[in-house]
Amino acid sequence: MRPQAAPFVRAEVYGEREPALDDPAELFHEASKLQPALARRQAAGMARLAANADLSAAAARAMRRNAGLPSLSLPAPSLPTCSLSEAIELRTSRRDFGDALAVGTLATLLDAGYGARRDGRRTVPSGGALYPLELLVAVRFVHSVRRGIYRYDPHRHTLERQSRADPWPALEAACPLDGLLAGGAAALLVLAVFGRTRCKYGLRGYRFALLEAGHVAQNIVLAAAAFDVPALPLGGFYDAQVDALVDADGVEESVVYAVVLGGRA
């Protein structure tokens, strides 16, 4: 006879105050569920996308590029000597950030995280191949790269400079835990542009953007483990402060995840 699971006691999980009946997290989860009875309504975005040639063309190549900003060509990505199984075994969150980060290593991690392939696809699964994310790099100590904020262009494999200001004081101020980013060389900021996926999938598209951010971060930390690069996934930060750092409005687009990197010791 199988032992019965212990009863779920909400107070033990949520504390003395249980979530309100209008708890935003529960409401969003319920609102973004797929339901057979609402299939036609939930598929309205798919029909609209298929019927709009301009929207379809934009969705087929979702990315940003500003020809007026200076850009830096990155070295070709490298291949690690370890196997995938070894990288999975080695992966752990690290804070021994060590020295400056080599630009070649940064290029490899960016390509692993969200790089483009010959058929236009990326290195991660994406709902409808809409690719709602942008990878931004907050550079502190990277060889041959000046401090500032950069946007990764996956199709050109370049860094487009967005800001010349040192981003690290603002990042450290946006972190609730003092000293967590101390010694870090760079931070990869995953910016979600929600409209890219919500135009087709509605509220479910918001879920897809968050799932995709997880795929990107996992690729980055596995590649970092393969090259013995300290990497710390960072999900806890003051959102408005990080969004302000990259000029995101926090509504239509927002930084949803980050990975702090160090150089090899």
Protein backbone atom coordinates (compact mmCIF):
# COMPACT_ATOMS: atom_id res chain seq x y z
CA MET A 1 0.00 0.00 0.00
CA ARG A 2 1.45 3.35 -1.06
CA PRO A 3 1.90 5.89 1.74
CA GLN A 4 -0.38 8.91 1.46
CA ALA A 5 1.18 12.27 0.78
CA ALA A 6 1.09 14.79 3.58
CA PRO A 7 -1.82 17.24 3.23
CA PHE A 8 -0.97 20.58 1.64
CA VAL A 9 -1.08 23.26 4.30
CA ARG A 10 -1.18 26.66 2.62
CA ALA A 11 -0.17 28.53 5.75
CA GLU A 12 3.11 26.59 5.88
CA VAL A 13 3.90 27.61 2.31
CA TYR A 14 2.64 31.19 2.27
CA GLY A 15 2.96 32.16 5.91
CA GLU A 16 0.20 33.40 8.15
CA ARG A 17 -1.36 35.47 5.37
CA GLU A 18 -2.56 33.31 2.49
CA PRO A 19 -2.73 34.80 -1.01
CA ALA A 20 -5.78 36.97 -1.55
CA LEU A 21 -8.58 35.78 -3.79
CA ASP A 22 -7.34 38.25 -6.40
CA ASP A 23 -3.69 37.19 -6.06
CA PRO A 24 -1.97 38.46 -9.26
CA ALA A 25 0.19 35.37 -9.72
CA GLU A 26 -2.75 32.98 -9.51
CA LEU A 27 -4.89 35.20 -11.73
CA PHE A 28 -2.21 35.35 -14.39
CA HIS A 29 -1.66 31.61 -14.30
CA GLU A 30 -5.38 31.01 -14.71
CA ALA A 31 -5.77 33.64 -17.44
CA SER A 32 -2.90 32.24 -19.49
CA LYS A 33 -4.18 28.64 -19.50
CA LEU A 34 -5.27 27.10 -22.81
CA GLN A 35 -8.86 25.86 -22.76
CA PRO A 36 -10.82 24.02 -25.46
CA ALA A 37 -13.91 26.17 -24.88
CA LEU A 38 -11.89 29.31 -25.64
CA ALA A 39 -9.87 27.93 -28.55
CA ARG A 40 -11.27 30.36 -31.11
CA ARG A 41 -10.69 33.40 -28.93
CA GLN A 42 -7.20 32.24 -27.98
CA ALA A 43 -6.31 31.64 -31.63
CA ALA A 44 -7.33 35.15 -32.75
CA GLY A 45 -3.72 36.34 -32.70
CA MET A 46 -2.64 33.49 -34.95
CA ALA A 47 -5.26 34.47 -37.54
CA ARG A 48 -4.32 38.14 -37.31
CA LEU A 49 -0.65 37.36 -37.79
CA ALA A 50 -1.33 35.16 -40.80
CA ALA A 51 -3.50 37.83 -42.43
CA ASN A 52 -1.07 40.74 -41.95
CA ALA A 53 1.91 40.62 -44.33
CA ASP A 54 3.84 43.39 -42.57
CA LEU A 55 3.37 41.81 -39.16
CA SER A 56 4.36 38.40 -40.52
CA ALA A 57 7.53 39.85 -42.08
CA ALA A 58 8.49 41.56 -38.82
CA ALA A 59 7.82 38.40 -36.82
CA ALA A 60 9.99 36.36 -39.17
CA ARG A 61 13.05 38.44 -38.29
CA ALA A 62 12.41 39.76 -34.81
CA MET A 63 15.44 41.74 -33.67
CA ARG A 64 16.74 45.26 -33.15
CA ARG A 65 19.51 47.02 -34.99
CA ASN A 66 20.57 50.66 -35.01
CA ALA A 67 22.98 51.43 -37.85
CA GLY A 68 23.80 54.76 -36.22
CA LEU A 69 25.40 53.15 -33.17
CA PRO A 70 29.00 51.88 -33.11
CA SER A 71 29.38 48.12 -33.18
CA LEU A 72 32.14 45.69 -32.35
CA SER A 73 32.71 42.49 -34.32
CA LEU A 74 33.13 39.47 -32.08
CA PRO A 75 35.52 36.54 -32.56
CA ALA A 76 34.07 33.31 -33.88
CA PRO A 77 32.64 31.03 -31.18
CA SER A 78 34.92 28.30 -29.86
CA LEU A 79 34.14 24.67 -29.16
CA PRO A 80 34.81 23.26 -25.69
CA THR A 81 36.90 20.17 -25.14
CA CYS A 82 34.46 18.66 -22.63
CA SER A 83 31.30 16.73 -23.49
CA LEU A 84 27.73 17.81 -22.83
CA SER A 85 27.43 15.31 -19.99
CA GLU A 86 30.59 16.74 -18.40
CA ALA A 87 29.26 20.29 -18.73
CA ILE A 88 26.00 19.28 -17.05
CA GLU A 89 27.95 17.63 -14.24
CA LEU A 90 30.21 20.68 -13.81
CA ARG A 91 27.44 23.28 -13.89
CA THR A 92 27.05 25.12 -10.63
CA SER A 93 26.37 28.71 -9.58
CA ARG A 94 29.71 30.35 -8.86
CA ARG A 95 30.84 33.67 -7.41
CA ASP A 96 34.62 33.21 -7.67
CA PHE A 97 34.62 35.70 -10.51
CA GLY A 98 38.39 36.04 -10.73
CA ASP A 99 39.98 38.10 -13.50
CA ALA A 100 38.67 39.93 -16.56
CA LEU A 101 36.66 38.00 -19.11
CA ALA A 102 38.21 37.23 -22.50
CA VAL A 103 36.24 38.70 -25.40
CA GLY A 104 36.43 35.36 -27.22
CA THR A 105 34.80 33.63 -24.27
CA LEU A 106 32.09 36.27 -24.12
CA ALA A 107 31.45 35.77 -27.84
CA THR A 108 31.09 32.02 -27.34
CA LEU A 109 28.65 32.40 -24.43
CA LEU A 110 26.51 34.89 -26.36
CA ASP A 111 26.36 32.58 -29.37
CA ALA A 112 25.49 29.60 -27.17
CA GLY A 113 22.78 31.58 -25.42
CA TYR A 114 20.94 33.15 -28.33
CA GLY A 115 23.04 32.83 -31.44
CA ALA A 116 21.60 32.62 -34.95
CA ARG A 117 22.07 29.65 -37.26
CA ARG A 118 22.16 29.48 -41.06
CA ASP A 119 18.43 28.85 -41.35
CA GLY A 120 17.68 31.92 -39.22
CA ARG A 121 16.76 29.90 -36.17
CA ARG A 122 18.36 30.43 -32.78
CA THR A 123 20.04 28.12 -30.30
CA VAL A 124 16.90 27.76 -28.17
CA PRO A 125 13.29 26.67 -28.80
CA SER A 126 10.89 29.58 -29.23
CA GLY A 127 7.10 29.57 -29.41
CA GLY A 128 6.26 30.13 -33.08
CA ALA A 129 9.94 30.95 -33.73
CA LEU A 130 9.09 34.53 -32.69
CA TYR A 131 12.21 35.08 -30.56
CA PRO A 132 10.90 37.71 -28.14
CA LEU A 133 14.22 38.21 -26.35
CA GLU A 134 17.20 40.53 -26.69
CA LEU A 135 20.57 39.83 -25.04
CA LEU A 136 22.23 42.87 -23.52
CA VAL A 137 25.72 42.87 -22.03
CA ALA A 138 26.73 45.04 -19.11
CA VAL A 139 30.51 45.16 -19.49
CA ARG A 140 32.80 45.88 -16.57
CA PHE A 141 36.05 43.97 -17.21
CA VAL A 142 36.18 42.36 -20.66
CA HIS A 143 39.42 42.38 -22.65
CA SER A 144 39.26 44.69 -25.70
CA VAL A 145 35.74 45.92 -24.82
CA ARG A 146 35.13 49.23 -23.09
CA ARG A 147 32.75 49.50 -20.18
CA GLY A 148 29.14 50.12 -21.06
CA ILE A 149 25.90 48.52 -22.17
CA TYR A 150 25.89 46.55 -25.43
CA ARG A 151 23.20 44.75 -27.42
CA TYR A 152 24.11 41.44 -28.99
CA ASP A 153 23.25 41.15 -32.69
CA PRO A 154 22.97 37.37 -33.26
CA HIS A 155 22.81 37.57 -37.04
CA ARG A 156 25.96 39.68 -37.40
CA HIS A 157 27.61 38.31 -34.24
CA THR A 158 28.45 41.82 -33.09
CA LEU A 159 28.01 44.03 -30.04
CA GLU A 160 26.13 47.28 -30.61
CA ARG A 161 27.07 49.88 -28.05
CA GLN A 162 24.05 51.34 -26.28
CA SER A 163 25.72 53.31 -23.48
CA ARG A 164 29.24 54.39 -22.52
CA ALA A 165 28.52 54.68 -18.78
CA ASP A 166 29.93 52.14 -16.32
CA PRO A 167 26.89 49.92 -15.60
CA TRP A 168 28.25 48.17 -12.52
CA PRO A 169 27.31 50.71 -9.80
CA ALA A 170 23.71 50.67 -11.05
CA LEU A 171 23.63 46.86 -11.19
CA GLU A 172 25.03 46.53 -7.69
CA ALA A 173 22.49 49.06 -6.41
CA ALA A 174 19.71 47.01 -8.05
CA CYS A 175 20.77 43.83 -6.24
CA PRO A 176 19.06 43.24 -2.86
CA LEU A 177 22.07 41.32 -1.50
CA ASP A 178 25.17 43.38 -0.87
CA GLY A 179 28.36 42.11 -2.46
CA LEU A 180 26.65 39.49 -4.64
CA LEU A 181 28.10 40.97 -7.85
CA ALA A 182 31.49 41.88 -6.39
CA GLY A 183 34.28 40.99 -8.77
CA GLY A 184 31.99 40.26 -11.70
CA ALA A 185 33.36 41.00 -15.16
CA ALA A 186 30.10 41.25 -17.11
CA ALA A 187 26.40 40.53 -16.83
CA LEU A 188 24.21 39.15 -19.60
CA LEU A 189 20.75 40.72 -19.29
CA VAL A 190 17.82 38.92 -20.90
CA LEU A 191 15.33 41.51 -22.11
CA ALA A 192 11.85 40.28 -23.07
CA VAL A 193 9.94 42.20 -25.74
CA PHE A 194 6.52 40.79 -24.91
CA GLY A 195 4.67 42.06 -27.95
CA ARG A 196 6.68 39.81 -30.25
CA THR A 197 5.08 36.71 -28.84
CA ARG A 198 1.83 38.10 -27.43
CA CYS A 199 0.79 39.29 -30.90
CA LYS A 200 0.25 35.62 -31.73
CA TYR A 201 -0.35 33.86 -28.44
CA GLY A 202 -1.94 36.50 -26.20
CA LEU A 203 -1.42 35.95 -22.48
CA ARG A 204 0.12 32.57 -23.20
CA GLY A 205 2.82 34.44 -25.09
CA TYR A 206 3.97 36.01 -21.85
CA ARG A 207 4.57 32.52 -20.49
CA PHE A 208 6.48 31.59 -23.64
CA ALA A 209 8.81 34.58 -23.23
CA LEU A 210 9.68 33.56 -19.67
CA LEU A 211 10.22 29.93 -20.68
CA GLU A 212 12.52 31.04 -23.48
CA ALA A 213 14.55 33.16 -21.08
CA GLY A 214 15.17 30.00 -19.06
CA HIS A 215 16.38 28.16 -22.16
CA VAL A 216 18.80 31.01 -22.93
CA ALA A 217 20.20 31.12 -19.41
CA GLN A 218 20.68 27.35 -19.30
CA ASN A 219 22.64 27.42 -22.56
CA ILE A 220 24.84 30.18 -21.16
CA VAL A 221 25.60 28.49 -17.85
CA LEU A 222 26.32 25.14 -19.53
CA ALA A 223 28.72 26.81 -21.96
CA ALA A 224 30.29 28.67 -19.04
CA ALA A 225 30.79 25.38 -17.19
CA ALA A 226 32.39 23.85 -20.29
CA PHE A 227 34.94 26.69 -20.40
CA ASP A 228 35.42 26.88 -16.61
CA VAL A 229 33.95 30.39 -16.47
CA PRO A 230 32.26 31.43 -13.20
CA ALA A 231 28.58 32.11 -13.89
CA LEU A 232 25.83 33.17 -11.49
CA PRO A 233 22.20 33.15 -12.69
CA LEU A 234 20.46 36.17 -11.19
CA GLY A 235 16.69 36.36 -10.91
CA GLY A 236 16.41 38.61 -7.87
CA PHE A 237 16.92 42.29 -8.65
CA TYR A 238 15.00 45.55 -8.44
CA ASP A 239 13.25 45.41 -11.80
CA ALA A 240 12.66 49.11 -12.32
CA GLN A 241 16.32 49.93 -11.71
CA VAL A 242 17.61 47.32 -14.14
CA ASP A 243 15.01 48.30 -16.74
CA ALA A 244 16.09 51.94 -16.40
CA LEU A 245 19.69 50.88 -17.00
CA VAL A 246 18.78 49.49 -20.43
CA ASP A 247 16.04 52.06 -21.25
CA ALA A 248 13.22 49.51 -21.01
CA ASP A 249 9.77 50.75 -20.00
CA GLY A 250 9.09 47.77 -17.73
CA VAL A 251 5.70 47.08 -19.34
CA GLU A 252 6.07 46.36 -23.04
CA GLU A 253 9.60 45.14 -22.41
CA SER A 254 11.55 44.25 -19.31
CA VAL A 255 14.68 42.45 -18.13
CA VAL A 256 13.47 39.09 -16.82
CA TYR A 257 16.73 37.26 -16.11
CA ALA A 258 20.47 37.84 -15.87
CA VAL A 259 23.69 35.85 -15.71
CA VAL A 260 26.74 37.39 -14.04
CA LEU A 261 30.08 36.23 -15.45
CA GLY A 262 33.66 36.31 -14.29
CA GLY A 263 36.99 35.59 -15.89
CA ARG A 264 38.80 32.30 -15.56
CA ALA A 265 40.85 32.22 -12.37
